[in-house]
């Protein structure tokens, strides 16, 4: 299984608008193979709220999962000031082995 983290930022005064978008029935659906593992909200930094959402998908569904997440988070990006980035997460031991070529 692969973990994908979505990091989103938005201005605090846009919170109500984002809540409305989140409650919307026309937001893009997640595929069945993509599961949300965790979702955290962090403190306000640089005048932005920040959230972290971690998803899990099968190894052979990484590209489809990234495409689905990009589509879903782009839906929220229509709110002025909302930005996001996508990151693949590795277990530290596996990442070190990969970086060392072992």
PDB file of N, CA and C in Angstrom:
ATOM      1  N   UNK A   1       0.835  -1.186   0.000  1.00  0.00           N
ATOM      2  CA  UNK A   1       0.000   0.000   0.000  1.00  0.00           C
ATOM      3  C   UNK A   1       0.879   1.248   0.000  1.00  0.00           C
ATOM      4  N   UNK A   2       0.423   2.265  -0.689  1.00  0.00           N
ATOM      5  CA  UNK A   2       1.128   3.532  -0.797  1.00  0.00           C
ATOM      6  C   UNK A   2       0.318   4.593  -0.058  1.00  0.00           C
ATOM      7  N   UNK A   3       1.023   5.478   0.618  1.00  0.00           N
ATOM      8  CA  UNK A   3       0.357   6.591   1.295  1.00  0.00           C
ATOM      9  C   UNK A   3       0.637   7.871   0.512  1.00  0.00           C
ATOM     10  N   UNK A   4      -0.396   8.682   0.366  1.00  0.00           N
ATOM     11  CA  UNK A   4      -0.308   9.956  -0.339  1.00  0.00           C
ATOM     12  C   UNK A   4      -0.805  11.033   0.617  1.00  0.00           C
ATOM     13  N   UNK A   5      -0.027  12.098   0.764  1.00  0.00           N
ATOM     14  CA  UNK A   5      -0.433  13.186   1.640  1.00  0.00           C
ATOM     15  C   UNK A   5      -0.804  14.412   0.817  1.00  0.00           C
ATOM     16  N   UNK A   6      -1.918  14.992   1.176  1.00  0.00           N
ATOM     17  CA  UNK A   6      -2.367  16.237   0.575  1.00  0.00           C
ATOM     18  C   UNK A   6      -2.209  17.327   1.624  1.00  0.00           C
ATOM     19  N   UNK A   7      -1.487  18.383   1.266  1.00  0.00           N
ATOM     20  CA  UNK A   7      -1.303  19.532   2.154  1.00  0.00           C
ATOM     21  C   UNK A   7      -2.050  20.696   1.515  1.00  0.00           C
ATOM     22  N   UNK A   8      -3.006  21.249   2.249  1.00  0.00           N
ATOM     23  CA  UNK A   8      -3.809  22.357   1.727  1.00  0.00           C
ATOM     24  C   UNK A   8      -3.666  23.563   2.642  1.00  0.00           C
ATOM     25  N   UNK A   9      -3.727  24.738   2.026  1.00  0.00           N
ATOM     26  CA  UNK A   9      -3.692  26.007   2.767  1.00  0.00           C
ATOM     27  C   UNK A   9      -4.800  26.900   2.240  1.00  0.00           C
ATOM     28  N   UNK A  10      -5.367  27.689   3.160  1.00  0.00           N
ATOM     29  CA  UNK A  10      -6.403  28.633   2.749  1.00  0.00           C
ATOM     30  C   UNK A  10      -6.511  29.756   3.774  1.00  0.00           C
ATOM     31  N   UNK A  11      -6.959  30.926   3.335  1.00  0.00           N
ATOM     32  CA  UNK A  11      -7.123  32.054   4.256  1.00  0.00           C
ATOM     33  C   UNK A  11      -8.242  31.757   5.261  1.00  0.00           C
ATOM     34  N   UNK A  12      -8.057  32.119   6.519  1.00  0.00           N
ATOM     35  CA  UNK A  12      -9.085  31.852   7.534  1.00  0.00           C
ATOM     36  C   UNK A  12     -10.461  32.413   7.179  1.00  0.00           C
ATOM     37  N   UNK A  13     -10.519  33.560   6.518  1.00  0.00           N
ATOM     38  CA  UNK A  13     -11.824  34.148   6.202  1.00  0.00           C
ATOM     39  C   UNK A  13     -12.572  33.390   5.106  1.00  0.00           C
ATOM     40  N   UNK A  14     -11.940  32.367   4.512  1.00  0.00           N
ATOM     41  CA  UNK A  14     -12.590  31.553   3.479  1.00  0.00           C
ATOM     42  C   UNK A  14     -13.134  30.233   4.034  1.00  0.00           C
ATOM     43  N   UNK A  15     -13.034  30.037   5.347  1.00  0.00           N
ATOM     44  CA  UNK A  15     -13.451  28.776   5.965  1.00  0.00           C
ATOM     45  C   UNK A  15     -14.915  28.441   5.663  1.00  0.00           C
ATOM     46  N   UNK A  16     -15.821  29.373   5.837  1.00  0.00           N
ATOM     47  CA  UNK A  16     -17.238  29.090   5.585  1.00  0.00           C
ATOM     48  C   UNK A  16     -17.494  28.695   4.137  1.00  0.00           C
ATOM     49  N   UNK A  17     -16.815  29.350   3.219  1.00  0.00           N
ATOM     50  CA  UNK A  17     -16.967  29.012   1.799  1.00  0.00           C
ATOM     51  C   UNK A  17     -16.473  27.589   1.525  1.00  0.00           C
ATOM     52  N   UNK A  18     -15.377  27.209   2.163  1.00  0.00           N
ATOM     53  CA  UNK A  18     -14.852  25.845   1.984  1.00  0.00           C
ATOM     54  C   UNK A  18     -15.761  24.802   2.624  1.00  0.00           C
ATOM     55  N   UNK A  19     -16.348  25.132   3.749  1.00  0.00           N
ATOM     56  CA  UNK A  19     -17.291  24.203   4.380  1.00  0.00           C
ATOM     57  C   UNK A  19     -18.484  23.964   3.451  1.00  0.00           C
ATOM     58  N   UNK A  20     -18.981  25.025   2.820  1.00  0.00           N
ATOM     59  CA  UNK A  20     -20.087  24.872   1.868  1.00  0.00           C
ATOM     60  C   UNK A  20     -19.682  23.976   0.702  1.00  0.00           C
ATOM     61  N   UNK A  21     -18.466  24.172   0.193  1.00  0.00           N
ATOM     62  CA  UNK A  21     -17.983  23.326  -0.917  1.00  0.00           C
ATOM     63  C   UNK A  21     -17.880  21.878  -0.462  1.00  0.00           C
ATOM     64  N   UNK A  22     -17.403  21.678   0.772  1.00  0.00           N
ATOM     65  CA  UNK A  22     -17.245  20.319   1.298  1.00  0.00           C
ATOM     66  C   UNK A  22     -18.597  19.621   1.466  1.00  0.00           C
ATOM     67  N   UNK A  23     -19.625  20.381   1.790  1.00  0.00           N
ATOM     68  CA  UNK A  23     -20.965  19.822   1.972  1.00  0.00           C
ATOM     69  C   UNK A  23     -21.679  19.601   0.636  1.00  0.00           C
ATOM     70  N   UNK A  24     -21.105  20.109  -0.440  1.00  0.00           N
ATOM     71  CA  UNK A  24     -21.710  20.029  -1.761  1.00  0.00           C
ATOM     72  C   UNK A  24     -21.830  18.576  -2.231  1.00  0.00           C
ATOM     73  N   UNK A  25     -22.911  18.293  -2.931  1.00  0.00           N
ATOM     74  CA  UNK A  25     -23.101  16.945  -3.478  1.00  0.00           C
ATOM     75  C   UNK A  25     -22.442  16.785  -4.846  1.00  0.00           C
ATOM     76  N   UNK A  26     -21.946  17.872  -5.424  1.00  0.00           N
ATOM     77  CA  UNK A  26     -21.336  17.770  -6.757  1.00  0.00           C
ATOM     78  C   UNK A  26     -19.812  17.711  -6.718  1.00  0.00           C
ATOM     79  N   UNK A  27     -19.225  17.519  -5.534  1.00  0.00           N
ATOM     80  CA  UNK A  27     -17.762  17.393  -5.471  1.00  0.00           C
ATOM     81  C   UNK A  27     -17.355  16.032  -6.041  1.00  0.00           C
ATOM     82  N   UNK A  28     -16.180  15.961  -6.670  1.00  0.00           N
ATOM     83  CA  UNK A  28     -15.730  14.694  -7.253  1.00  0.00           C
ATOM     84  C   UNK A  28     -15.594  13.601  -6.179  1.00  0.00           C
ATOM     85  N   UNK A  29     -16.062  12.421  -6.496  1.00  0.00           N
ATOM     86  CA  UNK A  29     -16.001  11.292  -5.562  1.00  0.00           C
ATOM     87  C   UNK A  29     -14.615  10.653  -5.564  1.00  0.00           C
ATOM     88  N   UNK A  30     -14.283  10.027  -4.447  1.00  0.00           N
ATOM     89  CA  UNK A  30     -13.048   9.243  -4.376  1.00  0.00           C
ATOM     90  C   UNK A  30     -13.324   7.861  -4.958  1.00  0.00           C
ATOM     91  N   UNK A  31     -12.348   7.270  -5.659  1.00  0.00           N
ATOM     92  CA  UNK A  31     -12.536   5.895  -6.125  1.00  0.00           C
ATOM     93  C   UNK A  31     -12.566   4.936  -4.923  1.00  0.00           C
ATOM     94  N   UNK A  32     -13.186   3.789  -5.105  1.00  0.00           N
ATOM     95  CA  UNK A  32     -13.326   2.816  -4.013  1.00  0.00           C
ATOM     96  C   UNK A  32     -11.995   2.345  -3.432  1.00  0.00           C
ATOM     97  N   UNK A  33     -10.948   2.306  -4.253  1.00  0.00           N
ATOM     98  CA  UNK A  33      -9.661   1.793  -3.787  1.00  0.00           C
ATOM     99  C   UNK A  33      -8.854   2.818  -2.997  1.00  0.00           C
ATOM    100  N   UNK A  34      -9.301   4.053  -2.938  1.00  0.00           N
ATOM    101  CA  UNK A  34      -8.586   5.122  -2.234  1.00  0.00           C
ATOM    102  C   UNK A  34      -9.252   5.364  -0.891  1.00  0.00           C
ATOM    103  N   UNK A  35      -8.494   5.219   0.175  1.00  0.00           N
ATOM    104  CA  UNK A  35      -9.039   5.357   1.529  1.00  0.00           C
ATOM    105  C   UNK A  35      -8.352   6.488   2.282  1.00  0.00           C
ATOM    106  N   UNK A  36      -9.162   7.328   2.937  1.00  0.00           N
ATOM    107  CA  UNK A  36      -8.592   8.374   3.788  1.00  0.00           C
ATOM    108  C   UNK A  36      -8.175   7.730   5.102  1.00  0.00           C
ATOM    109  N   UNK A  37      -6.907   7.937   5.499  1.00  0.00           N
ATOM    110  CA  UNK A  37      -6.363   7.346   6.717  1.00  0.00           C
ATOM    111  C   UNK A  37      -6.428   8.338   7.876  1.00  0.00           C
ATOM    112  N   UNK A  38      -6.026   9.562   7.619  1.00  0.00           N
ATOM    113  CA  UNK A  38      -5.986  10.612   8.641  1.00  0.00           C
ATOM    114  C   UNK A  38      -6.301  11.948   7.989  1.00  0.00           C
ATOM    115  N   UNK A  39      -6.788  12.887   8.805  1.00  0.00           N
ATOM    116  CA  UNK A  39      -6.989  14.256   8.316  1.00  0.00           C
ATOM    117  C   UNK A  39      -6.816  15.185   9.510  1.00  0.00           C
ATOM    118  N   UNK A  40      -5.822  16.062   9.438  1.00  0.00           N
ATOM    119  CA  UNK A  40      -5.512  16.971  10.535  1.00  0.00           C
ATOM    120  C   UNK A  40      -5.626  18.414  10.075  1.00  0.00           C
ATOM    121  N   UNK A  41      -5.966  19.265  11.010  1.00  0.00           N
ATOM    122  CA  UNK A  41      -5.921  20.707  10.791  1.00  0.00           C
ATOM    123  C   UNK A  41      -4.826  21.253  11.699  1.00  0.00           C
ATOM    124  N   UNK A  42      -3.975  22.093  11.144  1.00  0.00           N
ATOM    125  CA  UNK A  42      -2.866  22.674  11.906  1.00  0.00           C
ATOM    126  C   UNK A  42      -3.171  24.128  12.227  1.00  0.00           C
ATOM    127  N   UNK A  43      -2.320  24.696  13.010  1.00  0.00           N
ATOM    128  CA  UNK A  43      -2.486  26.102  13.385  1.00  0.00           C
ATOM    129  C   UNK A  43      -2.361  27.008  12.165  1.00  0.00           C
ATOM    130  N   UNK A  44      -2.792  28.228  12.331  1.00  0.00           N
ATOM    131  CA  UNK A  44      -2.667  29.210  11.265  1.00  0.00           C
ATOM    132  C   UNK A  44      -1.204  29.644  11.170  1.00  0.00           C
ATOM    133  N   UNK A  45      -0.637  29.549   9.974  1.00  0.00           N
ATOM    134  CA  UNK A  45       0.728  30.015   9.730  1.00  0.00           C
ATOM    135  C   UNK A  45       0.703  30.888   8.489  1.00  0.00           C
ATOM    136  N   UNK A  46       1.478  31.959   8.498  1.00  0.00           N
ATOM    137  CA  UNK A  46       1.536  32.865   7.346  1.00  0.00           C
ATOM    138  C   UNK A  46       0.129  33.306   6.918  1.00  0.00           C
ATOM    139  N   UNK A  47      -0.729  33.566   7.902  1.00  0.00           N
ATOM    140  CA  UNK A  47      -2.101  33.999   7.643  1.00  0.00           C
ATOM    141  C   UNK A  47      -2.917  32.976   6.853  1.00  0.00           C
ATOM    142  N   UNK A  48      -2.595  31.704   7.008  1.00  0.00           N
ATOM    143  CA  UNK A  48      -3.342  30.637   6.331  1.00  0.00           C
ATOM    144  C   UNK A  48      -3.613  29.505   7.309  1.00  0.00           C
ATOM    145  N   UNK A  49      -4.786  28.874   7.153  1.00  0.00           N
ATOM    146  CA  UNK A  49      -5.040  27.605   7.825  1.00  0.00           C
ATOM    147  C   UNK A  49      -4.331  26.539   6.990  1.00  0.00           C
ATOM    148  N   UNK A  50      -3.910  25.481   7.631  1.00  0.00           N
ATOM    149  CA  UNK A  50      -3.217  24.412   6.923  1.00  0.00           C
ATOM    150  C   UNK A  50      -3.824  23.080   7.343  1.00  0.00           C
ATOM    151  N   UNK A  51      -4.078  22.204   6.376  1.00  0.00           N
ATOM    152  CA  UNK A  51      -4.588  20.874   6.679  1.00  0.00           C
ATOM    153  C   UNK A  51      -3.701  19.819   6.027  1.00  0.00           C
ATOM    154  N   UNK A  52      -3.662  18.663   6.658  1.00  0.00           N
ATOM    155  CA  UNK A  52      -2.918  17.515   6.148  1.00  0.00           C
ATOM    156  C   UNK A  52      -3.886  16.345   6.066  1.00  0.00           C
ATOM    157  N   UNK A  53      -4.002  15.743   4.916  1.00  0.00           N
ATOM    158  CA  UNK A  53      -4.852  14.563   4.751  1.00  0.00           C
ATOM    159  C   UNK A  53      -3.988  13.444   4.161  1.00  0.00           C
ATOM    160  N   UNK A  54      -4.038  12.280   4.783  1.00  0.00           N
ATOM    161  CA  UNK A  54      -3.259  11.131   4.313  1.00  0.00           C
ATOM    162  C   UNK A  54      -4.223  10.074   3.781  1.00  0.00           C
ATOM    163  N   UNK A  55      -3.942   9.609   2.584  1.00  0.00           N
ATOM    164  CA  UNK A  55      -4.749   8.598   1.912  1.00  0.00           C
ATOM    165  C   UNK A  55      -3.880   7.369   1.658  1.00  0.00           C
ATOM    166  N   UNK A  56      -4.528   6.237   1.473  1.00  0.00           N
ATOM    167  CA  UNK A  56      -3.819   4.993   1.193  1.00  0.00           C
ATOM    168  C   UNK A  56      -4.453   4.346  -0.028  1.00  0.00           C
ATOM    169  N   UNK A  57      -3.576   3.779  -0.875  1.00  0.00           N
ATOM    170  CA  UNK A  57      -4.066   3.100  -2.075  1.00  0.00           C
ATOM    171  C   UNK A  57      -3.158   1.917  -2.392  1.00  0.00           C
ATOM    172  N   UNK A  58      -3.642   0.961  -3.180  1.00  0.00           N
ATOM    173  CA  UNK A  58      -2.797  -0.147  -3.606  1.00  0.00           C
ATOM    174  C   UNK A  58      -1.645   0.358  -4.483  1.00  0.00           C
ATOM    175  N   UNK A  59      -0.532  -0.363  -4.455  1.00  0.00           N
ATOM    176  CA  UNK A  59       0.657   0.019  -5.215  1.00  0.00           C
ATOM    177  C   UNK A  59       0.361   0.241  -6.703  1.00  0.00           C
ATOM    178  N   UNK A  60      -0.533  -0.556  -7.256  1.00  0.00           N
ATOM    179  CA  UNK A  60      -0.804  -0.454  -8.698  1.00  0.00           C
ATOM    180  C   UNK A  60      -1.858   0.617  -9.040  1.00  0.00           C
ATOM    181  N   UNK A  61      -2.281   1.389  -8.043  1.00  0.00           N
ATOM    182  CA  UNK A  61      -3.302   2.414  -8.270  1.00  0.00           C
ATOM    183  C   UNK A  61      -2.807   3.820  -7.908  1.00  0.00           C
ATOM    184  N   UNK A  62      -1.491   4.001  -7.849  1.00  0.00           N
ATOM    185  CA  UNK A  62      -0.933   5.290  -7.423  1.00  0.00           C
ATOM    186  C   UNK A  62      -1.319   6.410  -8.396  1.00  0.00           C
ATOM    187  N   UNK A  63      -1.124   6.198  -9.678  1.00  0.00           N
ATOM    188  CA  UNK A  63      -1.428   7.254 -10.650  1.00  0.00           C
ATOM    189  C   UNK A  63      -2.908   7.609 -10.666  1.00  0.00           C
ATOM    190  N   UNK A  64      -3.767   6.583 -10.618  1.00  0.00           N
ATOM    191  CA  UNK A  64      -5.199   6.851 -10.594  1.00  0.00           C
ATOM    192  C   UNK A  64      -5.597   7.587  -9.318  1.00  0.00           C
ATOM    193  N   UNK A  65      -4.960   7.227  -8.204  1.00  0.00           N
ATOM    194  CA  UNK A  65      -5.250   7.886  -6.928  1.00  0.00           C
ATOM    195  C   UNK A  65      -4.814   9.341  -6.948  1.00  0.00           C
ATOM    196  N   UNK A  66      -3.629   9.590  -7.480  1.00  0.00           N
ATOM    197  CA  UNK A  66      -3.140  10.967  -7.561  1.00  0.00           C
ATOM    198  C   UNK A  66      -4.047  11.802  -8.463  1.00  0.00           C
ATOM    199  N   UNK A  67      -4.513  11.223  -9.550  1.00  0.00           N
ATOM    200  CA  UNK A  67      -5.418  11.939 -10.455  1.00  0.00           C
ATOM    201  C   UNK A  67      -6.742  12.247  -9.750  1.00  0.00           C
ATOM    202  N   UNK A  68      -7.276  11.288  -9.005  1.00  0.00           N
ATOM    203  CA  UNK A  68      -8.540  11.499  -8.290  1.00  0.00           C
ATOM    204  C   UNK A  68      -8.380  12.565  -7.203  1.00  0.00           C
ATOM    205  N   UNK A  69      -7.273  12.520  -6.486  1.00  0.00           N
ATOM    206  CA  UNK A  69      -7.036  13.518  -5.439  1.00  0.00           C
ATOM    207  C   UNK A  69      -6.852  14.914  -6.033  1.00  0.00           C
ATOM    208  N   UNK A  70      -6.143  14.994  -7.131  1.00  0.00           N
ATOM    209  CA  UNK A  70      -5.953  16.277  -7.794  1.00  0.00           C
ATOM    210  C   UNK A  70      -7.292  16.844  -8.256  1.00  0.00           C
ATOM    211  N   UNK A  71      -8.141  15.987  -8.803  1.00  0.00           N
ATOM    212  CA  UNK A  71      -9.471  16.432  -9.244  1.00  0.00           C
ATOM    213  C   UNK A  71     -10.290  16.928  -8.052  1.00  0.00           C
ATOM    214  N   UNK A  72     -10.271  16.172  -6.953  1.00  0.00           N
ATOM    215  CA  UNK A  72     -11.056  16.551  -5.769  1.00  0.00           C
ATOM    216  C   UNK A  72     -10.539  17.853  -5.163  1.00  0.00           C
ATOM    217  N   UNK A  73      -9.222  17.973  -4.999  1.00  0.00           N
ATOM    218  CA  UNK A  73      -8.671  19.169  -4.371  1.00  0.00           C
ATOM    219  C   UNK A  73      -8.748  20.382  -5.296  1.00  0.00           C
ATOM    220  N   UNK A  74      -8.751  20.166  -6.600  1.00  0.00           N
ATOM    221  CA  UNK A  74      -8.945  21.269  -7.547  1.00  0.00           C
ATOM    222  C   UNK A  74     -10.350  21.839  -7.419  1.00  0.00           C
ATOM    223  N   UNK A  75     -11.295  21.012  -7.044  1.00  0.00           N
ATOM    224  CA  UNK A  75     -12.667  21.471  -6.787  1.00  0.00           C
ATOM    225  C   UNK A  75     -12.658  22.537  -5.689  1.00  0.00           C
ATOM    226  N   UNK A  76     -11.878  22.306  -4.627  1.00  0.00           N
ATOM    227  CA  UNK A  76     -11.776  23.275  -3.536  1.00  0.00           C
ATOM    228  C   UNK A  76     -10.942  24.490  -3.948  1.00  0.00           C
ATOM    229  N   UNK A  77     -10.031  24.305  -4.888  1.00  0.00           N
ATOM    230  CA  UNK A  77      -9.139  25.389  -5.308  1.00  0.00           C
ATOM    231  C   UNK A  77      -9.884  26.505  -6.042  1.00  0.00           C
ATOM    232  N   UNK A  78     -11.156  26.294  -6.339  1.00  0.00           N
ATOM    233  CA  UNK A  78     -11.937  27.385  -6.922  1.00  0.00           C
ATOM    234  C   UNK A  78     -12.213  28.479  -5.886  1.00  0.00           C
ATOM    235  N   UNK A  79     -11.970  28.172  -4.604  1.00  0.00           N
ATOM    236  CA  UNK A  79     -12.095  29.178  -3.544  1.00  0.00           C
ATOM    237  C   UNK A  79     -10.819  30.016  -3.548  1.00  0.00           C
ATOM    238  N   UNK A  80     -10.963  31.312  -3.646  1.00  0.00           N
ATOM    239  CA  UNK A  80      -9.816  32.209  -3.718  1.00  0.00           C
ATOM    240  C   UNK A  80      -8.864  31.996  -2.538  1.00  0.00           C
ATOM    241  N   UNK A  81      -7.587  31.814  -2.850  1.00  0.00           N
ATOM    242  CA  UNK A  81      -6.563  31.658  -1.829  1.00  0.00           C
ATOM    243  C   UNK A  81      -6.295  30.226  -1.410  1.00  0.00           C
ATOM    244  N   UNK A  82      -7.092  29.267  -1.897  1.00  0.00           N
ATOM    245  CA  UNK A  82      -6.909  27.849  -1.554  1.00  0.00           C
ATOM    246  C   UNK A  82      -5.820  27.257  -2.445  1.00  0.00           C
ATOM    247  N   UNK A  83      -4.843  26.640  -1.841  1.00  0.00           N
ATOM    248  CA  UNK A  83      -3.787  25.951  -2.597  1.00  0.00           C
ATOM    249  C   UNK A  83      -3.571  24.572  -1.989  1.00  0.00           C
ATOM    250  N   UNK A  84      -3.019  23.671  -2.785  1.00  0.00           N
ATOM    251  CA  UNK A  84      -2.708  22.334  -2.271  1.00  0.00           C
ATOM    252  C   UNK A  84      -1.490  21.779  -2.982  1.00  0.00           C
ATOM    253  N   UNK A  85      -0.874  20.799  -2.331  1.00  0.00           N
ATOM    254  CA  UNK A  85       0.198  20.033  -2.984  1.00  0.00           C
ATOM    255  C   UNK A  85       0.036  18.583  -2.589  1.00  0.00           C
ATOM    256  N   UNK A  86       0.583  17.726  -3.431  1.00  0.00           N
ATOM    257  CA  UNK A  86       0.456  16.281  -3.253  1.00  0.00           C
ATOM    258  C   UNK A  86       1.843  15.701  -3.020  1.00  0.00           C
ATOM    259  N   UNK A  87       1.942  14.771  -2.074  1.00  0.00           N
ATOM    260  CA  UNK A  87       3.232  14.163  -1.747  1.00  0.00           C
ATOM    261  C   UNK A  87       3.046  12.667  -1.514  1.00  0.00           C
ATOM    262  N   UNK A  88       3.960  11.889  -2.059  1.00  0.00           N
ATOM    263  CA  UNK A  88       3.993  10.453  -1.781  1.00  0.00           C
ATOM    264  C   UNK A  88       4.800  10.252  -0.497  1.00  0.00           C
ATOM    265  N   UNK A  89       4.283   9.444   0.404  1.00  0.00           N
ATOM    266  CA  UNK A  89       4.981   9.174   1.657  1.00  0.00           C
ATOM    267  C   UNK A  89       5.587   7.777   1.635  1.00  0.00           C
ATOM    268  N   UNK A  90       6.786   7.683   2.173  1.00  0.00           N
ATOM    269  CA  UNK A  90       7.467   6.402   2.314  1.00  0.00           C
ATOM    270  C   UNK A  90       7.753   6.166   3.781  1.00  0.00           C
ATOM    271  N   UNK A  91       7.783   4.912   4.172  1.00  0.00           N
ATOM    272  CA  UNK A  91       8.322   4.569   5.481  1.00  0.00           C
ATOM    273  C   UNK A  91       9.788   4.978   5.446  1.00  0.00           C
ATOM    274  N   UNK A  92      10.293   5.528   6.540  1.00  0.00           N
ATOM    275  CA  UNK A  92      11.669   6.060   6.560  1.00  0.00           C
ATOM    276  C   UNK A  92      12.693   4.994   6.188  1.00  0.00           C
ATOM    277  N   UNK A  93      12.551   3.784   6.707  1.00  0.00           N
ATOM    278  CA  UNK A  93      13.526   2.724   6.419  1.00  0.00           C
ATOM    279  C   UNK A  93      13.555   2.391   4.928  1.00  0.00           C
ATOM    280  N   UNK A  94      12.396   2.318   4.298  1.00  0.00           N
ATOM    281  CA  UNK A  94      12.328   2.027   2.864  1.00  0.00           C
ATOM    282  C   UNK A  94      12.928   3.165   2.054  1.00  0.00           C
ATOM    283  N   UNK A  95      12.673   4.401   2.463  1.00  0.00           N
ATOM    284  CA  UNK A  95      13.216   5.558   1.757  1.00  0.00           C
ATOM    285  C   UNK A  95      14.737   5.575   1.845  1.00  0.00           C
ATOM    286  N   UNK A  96      15.269   5.281   3.004  1.00  0.00           N
ATOM    287  CA  UNK A  96      16.741   5.257   3.172  1.00  0.00           C
ATOM    288  C   UNK A  96      17.358   4.183   2.293  1.00  0.00           C
ATOM    289  N   UNK A  97      16.763   2.988   2.262  1.00  0.00           N
ATOM    290  CA  UNK A  97      17.281   1.923   1.397  1.00  0.00           C
ATOM    291  C   UNK A  97      17.277   2.358  -0.056  1.00  0.00           C
ATOM    292  N   UNK A  98      16.199   2.994  -0.485  1.00  0.00           N
ATOM    293  CA  UNK A  98      16.094   3.461  -1.863  1.00  0.00           C
ATOM    294  C   UNK A  98      17.167   4.512  -2.159  1.00  0.00           C
ATOM    295  N   UNK A  99      17.338   5.459  -1.250  1.00  0.00           N
ATOM    296  CA  UNK A  99      18.319   6.531  -1.451  1.00  0.00           C
ATOM    297  C   UNK A  99      19.746   5.999  -1.475  1.00  0.00           C
ATOM    298  N   UNK A 100      19.974   4.940  -0.735  1.00  0.00           N
ATOM    299  CA  UNK A 100      21.322   4.356  -0.697  1.00  0.00           C
ATOM    300  C   UNK A 100      21.508   3.333  -1.820  1.00  0.00           C
ATOM    301  N   UNK A 101      20.446   3.049  -2.566  1.00  0.00           N
ATOM    302  CA  UNK A 101      20.553   2.105  -3.668  1.00  0.00           C
ATOM    303  C   UNK A 101      20.657   0.659  -3.219  1.00  0.00           C
ATOM    304  N   UNK A 102      20.056   0.342  -2.099  1.00  0.00           N
ATOM    305  CA  UNK A 102      20.137  -1.035  -1.566  1.00  0.00           C
ATOM    306  C   UNK A 102      18.790  -1.705  -1.632  1.00  0.00           C
TER     307      UNK A 102
END
